Amino acid sequence: MLSTKKKQTIISKTQTKEGDTGSPEVQVALLTERINSLSAHLKKHYKDQHSRRGLLQMVADRRKHLKYLDKRSPKRATEIRKKLKLK
């Protein structure tokens, strides 16, 4: 779970214009942060299968957003990948 302050900082770093909260870049950044925190949780609690399922759903959702960005604007997709250190 992301705190409101952490979420606001992520949004402010990746937004394309003022007040932007729903662009694919922002959604990918938020999903990446949630994926990283859930991965850390699963390293400690490796038998938590319900959280593992949620993690896989988030990874698939992030992949869909990145695929959408690749189709619409490959330049924006490569920028967000570099910023978040994704391949």
C-alpha atoms as a PDB file:
ATOM      1  CA  MET A   1       0.000   0.000   0.000  1.00  0.00           C
ATOM      2  CA  LEU A   2       1.378   3.392  -0.983  1.00  0.00           C
ATOM      3  CA  SER A   3       1.009   6.335   1.336  1.00  0.00           C
ATOM      4  CA  THR A   4      -0.588   9.488  -0.015  1.00  0.00           C
ATOM      5  CA  LYS A   5       2.642  11.481   0.213  1.00  0.00           C
ATOM      6  CA  LYS A   6       4.635   8.826  -1.606  1.00  0.00           C
ATOM      7  CA  LYS A   7       1.971   8.585  -4.284  1.00  0.00           C
ATOM      8  CA  GLN A   8       1.987  12.368  -4.745  1.00  0.00           C
ATOM      9  CA  THR A   9       5.766  12.453  -5.151  1.00  0.00           C
ATOM     10  CA  ILE A  10       5.646   9.688  -7.762  1.00  0.00           C
ATOM     11  CA  ILE A  11       2.878  11.495  -9.636  1.00  0.00           C
ATOM     12  CA  SER A  12       4.727  14.805  -9.547  1.00  0.00           C
ATOM     13  CA  LYS A  13       7.890  13.182 -10.939  1.00  0.00           C
ATOM     14  CA  THR A  14       6.171  11.444 -13.858  1.00  0.00           C
ATOM     15  CA  GLN A  15       3.197  13.611 -14.781  1.00  0.00           C
ATOM     16  CA  THR A  16       3.156  15.042 -18.301  1.00  0.00           C
ATOM     17  CA  LYS A  17       1.285  18.209 -17.341  1.00  0.00           C
ATOM     18  CA  GLU A  18      -0.075  19.840 -14.177  1.00  0.00           C
ATOM     19  CA  GLY A  19      -2.900  17.828 -12.601  1.00  0.00           C
ATOM     20  CA  ASP A  20      -2.111  14.697 -14.621  1.00  0.00           C
ATOM     21  CA  THR A  21      -2.920  11.561 -12.640  1.00  0.00           C
ATOM     22  CA  GLY A  22      -4.216   9.131 -15.254  1.00  0.00           C
ATOM     23  CA  SER A  23      -1.649   9.127 -18.036  1.00  0.00           C
ATOM     24  CA  PRO A  24       0.024   5.806 -18.819  1.00  0.00           C
ATOM     25  CA  GLU A  25       3.352   7.138 -17.538  1.00  0.00           C
ATOM     26  CA  VAL A  26       1.896   7.904 -14.114  1.00  0.00           C
ATOM     27  CA  GLN A  27       0.076   4.579 -13.958  1.00  0.00           C
ATOM     28  CA  VAL A  28       3.225   2.654 -14.901  1.00  0.00           C
ATOM     29  CA  ALA A  29       5.236   4.513 -12.258  1.00  0.00           C
ATOM     30  CA  LEU A  30       2.657   3.809  -9.544  1.00  0.00           C
ATOM     31  CA  LEU A  31       2.405   0.157 -10.534  1.00  0.00           C
ATOM     32  CA  THR A  32       6.193  -0.155 -10.514  1.00  0.00           C
ATOM     33  CA  GLU A  33       6.387   1.199  -6.979  1.00  0.00           C
ATOM     34  CA  ARG A  34       3.651  -1.179  -5.805  1.00  0.00           C
ATOM     35  CA  ILE A  35       5.351  -4.101  -7.564  1.00  0.00           C
ATOM     36  CA  ASN A  36       8.671  -3.301  -5.877  1.00  0.00           C
ATOM     37  CA  SER A  37       7.107  -3.121  -2.423  1.00  0.00           C
ATOM     38  CA  LEU A  38       5.144  -6.333  -2.946  1.00  0.00           C
ATOM     39  CA  SER A  39       8.255  -8.110  -4.203  1.00  0.00           C
ATOM     40  CA  ALA A  40      10.050  -7.174  -1.002  1.00  0.00           C
ATOM     41  CA  HIS A  41       7.089  -8.511   0.990  1.00  0.00           C
ATOM     42  CA  LEU A  42       7.171 -11.798  -0.907  1.00  0.00           C
ATOM     43  CA  LYS A  43      10.882 -12.267  -0.275  1.00  0.00           C
ATOM     44  CA  LYS A  44      10.098 -12.381   3.426  1.00  0.00           C
ATOM     45  CA  HIS A  45       6.709 -14.149   3.200  1.00  0.00           C
ATOM     46  CA  TYR A  46       7.380 -16.550   0.349  1.00  0.00           C
ATOM     47  CA  LYS A  47       4.292 -18.716   1.024  1.00  0.00           C
ATOM     48  CA  ASP A  48       1.834 -15.830   0.592  1.00  0.00           C
ATOM     49  CA  GLN A  49       0.137 -17.058  -2.580  1.00  0.00           C
ATOM     50  CA  HIS A  50      -2.661 -14.469  -2.530  1.00  0.00           C
ATOM     51  CA  SER A  51      -0.167 -11.617  -2.661  1.00  0.00           C
ATOM     52  CA  ARG A  52       1.758 -13.434  -5.375  1.00  0.00           C
ATOM     53  CA  ARG A  53      -1.392 -13.535  -7.501  1.00  0.00           C
ATOM     54  CA  GLY A  54      -1.887  -9.808  -6.986  1.00  0.00           C
ATOM     55  CA  LEU A  55       1.733  -9.209  -7.960  1.00  0.00           C
ATOM     56  CA  LEU A  56       1.281 -11.120 -11.198  1.00  0.00           C
ATOM     57  CA  GLN A  57      -1.851  -9.125 -11.995  1.00  0.00           C
ATOM     58  CA  MET A  58       0.008  -5.847 -11.417  1.00  0.00           C
ATOM     59  CA  VAL A  59       2.886  -6.973 -13.625  1.00  0.00           C
ATOM     60  CA  ALA A  60       0.432  -7.869 -16.393  1.00  0.00           C
ATOM     61  CA  ASP A  61      -1.337  -4.527 -16.003  1.00  0.00           C
ATOM     62  CA  ARG A  62       1.950  -2.631 -16.211  1.00  0.00           C
ATOM     63  CA  ARG A  63       2.879  -4.620 -19.305  1.00  0.00           C
ATOM     64  CA  LYS A  64      -0.438  -3.642 -20.931  1.00  0.00           C
ATOM     65  CA  HIS A  65       0.157   0.040 -20.199  1.00  0.00           C
ATOM     66  CA  LEU A  66       3.663  -0.145 -21.649  1.00  0.00           C
ATOM     67  CA  LYS A  67       2.376  -1.952 -24.736  1.00  0.00           C
ATOM     68  CA  TYR A  68      -0.210   0.797 -25.199  1.00  0.00           C
ATOM     69  CA  LEU A  69       2.514   3.426 -24.922  1.00  0.00           C
ATOM     70  CA  ASP A  70       4.678   1.538 -27.423  1.00  0.00           C
ATOM     71  CA  LYS A  71       1.857   1.688 -29.951  1.00  0.00           C
ATOM     72  CA  ARG A  72       0.888   5.326 -29.329  1.00  0.00           C
ATOM     73  CA  SER A  73       4.209   6.976 -28.620  1.00  0.00           C
ATOM     74  CA  PRO A  74       7.396   4.879 -28.612  1.00  0.00           C
ATOM     75  CA  LYS A  75       9.452   7.887 -27.523  1.00  0.00           C
ATOM     76  CA  ARG A  76       7.387   8.333 -24.339  1.00  0.00           C
ATOM     77  CA  ALA A  77       7.605   4.580 -23.693  1.00  0.00           C
ATOM     78  CA  THR A  78      11.391   4.535 -23.874  1.00  0.00           C
ATOM     79  CA  GLU A  79      11.616   7.631 -21.653  1.00  0.00           C
ATOM     80  CA  ILE A  80       9.468   6.103 -18.904  1.00  0.00           C
ATOM     81  CA  ARG A  81      11.416   2.826 -19.147  1.00  0.00           C
ATOM     82  CA  LYS A  82      14.704   4.685 -18.680  1.00  0.00           C
ATOM     83  CA  LYS A  83      13.314   6.756 -15.821  1.00  0.00           C
ATOM     84  CA  LEU A  84      12.026   3.678 -13.968  1.00  0.00           C
ATOM     85  CA  LYS A  85      14.958   1.466 -15.019  1.00  0.00           C
ATOM     86  CA  LEU A  86      12.771  -1.100 -16.770  1.00  0.00           C
ATOM     87  CA  LYS A  87      13.948  -3.046 -19.785  1.00  0.00           C
END
